[in-house]
Structures are given as structure tokens and as C-alpha cells.
Amino acid sequence: MKKLILFALSITLLLSGCSSDRTGNFQLYLTDQPIPDIENVYVTISEIGVKKQGEEAFTTIWEGEKTYDLLTLRNREELILDIELE
């Protein structure tokens, strides 16, 4: 399950666009599909980083700690980060 969530977050990161002037708005959403016979699925996010093309290291764009129960996000999206990147 964790791999699926991380994969979904990775895809979201890859699909978020930046304009050619090297700045852009970055939005990260969290969502879940229904899973039968599960009462709760908790995910804690403590850091979000991005890796610019051509660079080796990730740059931290958010730090903190926020826990989500994915089952409350069934069939809907929740915006968890909205920032401008340079």
C-alpha cells in the first residue's frame, strides 16, 4: 500500500508543470480509491522535495508533519501543497 501511495505522489510530482521561464506553480493532491474491508489507512507526510532536471539532489520545499486518513479521501482529492517554484 505504501508503494502505491508513493507511486501516486511521484506521478503527481512528475505531472506538475513548470513554465519555460523556470518558475511555476506546484500543486500536490492526495486521494484514495475505495478498498473493501479496510477501516483506516493513515499516511504521515513529514517532508516534500523536488529534484530539478540535471541536478542530483532533492530540494526540500515543505517540512512539517501532517497525518491523513486516506479513507476520508475516497473518490475526492485534497490539496496538500500549493507553492510557486523557481
C-alpha atoms as a PDB file:
ATOM      1  CA  MET A   1       0.000   0.000   0.000  1.00  0.00           C
ATOM      2  CA  LYS A   2       2.824   2.411   0.865  1.00  0.00           C
ATOM      3  CA  LYS A   3       4.447   1.781  -2.519  1.00  0.00           C
ATOM      4  CA  LEU A   4       1.175   2.613  -4.266  1.00  0.00           C
ATOM      5  CA  ILE A   5       0.854   5.881  -2.345  1.00  0.00           C
ATOM      6  CA  LEU A   6       4.458   6.843  -3.026  1.00  0.00           C
ATOM      7  CA  PHE A   7       3.969   5.982  -6.698  1.00  0.00           C
ATOM      8  CA  ALA A   8       0.879   8.198  -6.857  1.00  0.00           C
ATOM      9  CA  LEU A   9       2.777  11.055  -5.210  1.00  0.00           C
ATOM     10  CA  SER A  10       5.689  10.575  -7.611  1.00  0.00           C
ATOM     11  CA  ILE A  11       3.393  10.682 -10.627  1.00  0.00           C
ATOM     12  CA  THR A  12       1.781  13.845  -9.296  1.00  0.00           C
ATOM     13  CA  LEU A  13       5.210  15.408  -8.881  1.00  0.00           C
ATOM     14  CA  LEU A  14       6.210  14.442 -12.408  1.00  0.00           C
ATOM     15  CA  LEU A  15       2.999  15.738 -13.935  1.00  0.00           C
ATOM     16  CA  SER A  16       3.029  19.115 -12.195  1.00  0.00           C
ATOM     17  CA  GLY A  17       4.170  21.557 -14.820  1.00  0.00           C
ATOM     18  CA  CYS A  18       6.590  24.419 -14.724  1.00  0.00           C
ATOM     19  CA  SER A  19       6.713  27.070 -17.411  1.00  0.00           C
ATOM     20  CA  SER A  20       9.762  27.688 -19.597  1.00  0.00           C
ATOM     21  CA  ASP A  21      10.726  30.813 -17.625  1.00  0.00           C
ATOM     22  CA  ARG A  22      11.857  28.397 -14.887  1.00  0.00           C
ATOM     23  CA  THR A  23       9.130  29.348 -12.435  1.00  0.00           C
ATOM     24  CA  GLY A  24       5.787  27.728 -11.949  1.00  0.00           C
ATOM     25  CA  ASN A  25       3.035  26.826  -9.565  1.00  0.00           C
ATOM     26  CA  PHE A  26       3.334  23.426  -7.870  1.00  0.00           C
ATOM     27  CA  GLN A  27       0.234  21.717  -6.505  1.00  0.00           C
ATOM     28  CA  LEU A  28       0.218  18.350  -4.759  1.00  0.00           C
ATOM     29  CA  TYR A  29      -3.035  16.460  -4.192  1.00  0.00           C
ATOM     30  CA  LEU A  30      -3.740  13.356  -2.144  1.00  0.00           C
ATOM     31  CA  THR A  31      -6.558  10.939  -2.996  1.00  0.00           C
ATOM     32  CA  ASP A  32      -7.673   7.353  -2.446  1.00  0.00           C
ATOM     33  CA  GLN A  33      -9.820   4.759  -4.128  1.00  0.00           C
ATOM     34  CA  PRO A  34     -12.203   2.597  -2.083  1.00  0.00           C
ATOM     35  CA  ILE A  35     -10.662  -0.536  -0.582  1.00  0.00           C
ATOM     36  CA  PRO A  36     -13.071  -3.153   0.772  1.00  0.00           C
ATOM     37  CA  ASP A  37     -12.846  -4.274   4.411  1.00  0.00           C
ATOM     38  CA  ILE A  38     -10.383  -1.565   5.485  1.00  0.00           C
ATOM     39  CA  GLU A  39     -11.284   0.814   8.324  1.00  0.00           C
ATOM     40  CA  ASN A  40      -8.355   3.249   8.199  1.00  0.00           C
ATOM     41  CA  VAL A  41      -5.232   3.884   6.161  1.00  0.00           C
ATOM     42  CA  TYR A  42      -3.002   6.528   7.719  1.00  0.00           C
ATOM     43  CA  VAL A  43      -0.218   8.311   5.859  1.00  0.00           C
ATOM     44  CA  THR A  44       2.116  10.768   7.557  1.00  0.00           C
ATOM     45  CA  ILE A  45       3.987  13.248   5.387  1.00  0.00           C
ATOM     46  CA  SER A  46       6.960  14.933   7.028  1.00  0.00           C
ATOM     47  CA  GLU A  47       8.849  16.308   4.037  1.00  0.00           C
ATOM     48  CA  ILE A  48       8.233  17.029   0.366  1.00  0.00           C
ATOM     49  CA  GLY A  49      11.125  17.517  -2.013  1.00  0.00           C
ATOM     50  CA  VAL A  50      11.591  18.144  -5.705  1.00  0.00           C
ATOM     51  CA  LYS A  51      14.502  17.320  -7.954  1.00  0.00           C
ATOM     52  CA  LYS A  52      15.259  19.702 -10.783  1.00  0.00           C
ATOM     53  CA  GLN A  53      16.281  18.273 -14.110  1.00  0.00           C
ATOM     54  CA  GLY A  54      20.038  17.947 -14.298  1.00  0.00           C
ATOM     55  CA  GLU A  55      20.565  18.117 -10.532  1.00  0.00           C
ATOM     56  CA  GLU A  56      21.458  15.172  -8.330  1.00  0.00           C
ATOM     57  CA  ALA A  57      19.939  16.258  -5.019  1.00  0.00           C
ATOM     58  CA  PHE A  58      16.358  16.886  -3.975  1.00  0.00           C
ATOM     59  CA  THR A  59      15.391  20.331  -2.672  1.00  0.00           C
ATOM     60  CA  THR A  60      13.029  20.365   0.298  1.00  0.00           C
ATOM     61  CA  ILE A  61      10.007  22.546  -0.459  1.00  0.00           C
ATOM     62  CA  TRP A  62       7.933  21.677   2.624  1.00  0.00           C
ATOM     63  CA  GLU A  63       8.712  20.353   6.103  1.00  0.00           C
ATOM     64  CA  GLY A  64       6.346  19.594   8.934  1.00  0.00           C
ATOM     65  CA  GLU A  65       4.218  16.681   9.927  1.00  0.00           C
ATOM     66  CA  LYS A  66       0.710  16.042   8.716  1.00  0.00           C
ATOM     67  CA  THR A  67      -1.204  12.767   9.007  1.00  0.00           C
ATOM     68  CA  TYR A  68      -4.044  11.871   6.658  1.00  0.00           C
ATOM     69  CA  ASP A  69      -6.586   9.062   6.842  1.00  0.00           C
ATOM     70  CA  LEU A  70      -6.808   8.104   3.193  1.00  0.00           C
ATOM     71  CA  LEU A  71     -10.247   6.589   3.605  1.00  0.00           C
ATOM     72  CA  THR A  72     -11.637  10.068   4.248  1.00  0.00           C
ATOM     73  CA  LEU A  73     -10.362  10.951   0.763  1.00  0.00           C
ATOM     74  CA  ARG A  74     -12.303   8.280  -1.093  1.00  0.00           C
ATOM     75  CA  ASN A  75     -13.171   9.463  -4.591  1.00  0.00           C
ATOM     76  CA  ARG A  76     -12.068  13.027  -3.904  1.00  0.00           C
ATOM     77  CA  GLU A  77      -8.824  14.991  -3.878  1.00  0.00           C
ATOM     78  CA  GLU A  78      -7.359  17.126  -1.126  1.00  0.00           C
ATOM     79  CA  LEU A  79      -4.849  19.847  -1.920  1.00  0.00           C
ATOM     80  CA  ILE A  80      -1.940  19.400   0.473  1.00  0.00           C
ATOM     81  CA  LEU A  81       0.607  21.797  -1.034  1.00  0.00           C
ATOM     82  CA  ASP A  82       0.343  24.815  -3.332  1.00  0.00           C
ATOM     83  CA  ILE A  83       3.517  26.862  -3.811  1.00  0.00           C
ATOM     84  CA  GLU A  84       5.442  28.694  -6.507  1.00  0.00           C
ATOM     85  CA  LEU A  85       8.733  27.114  -7.537  1.00  0.00           C
ATOM     86  CA  GLU A  86      11.695  28.811  -9.154  1.00  0.00           C
END
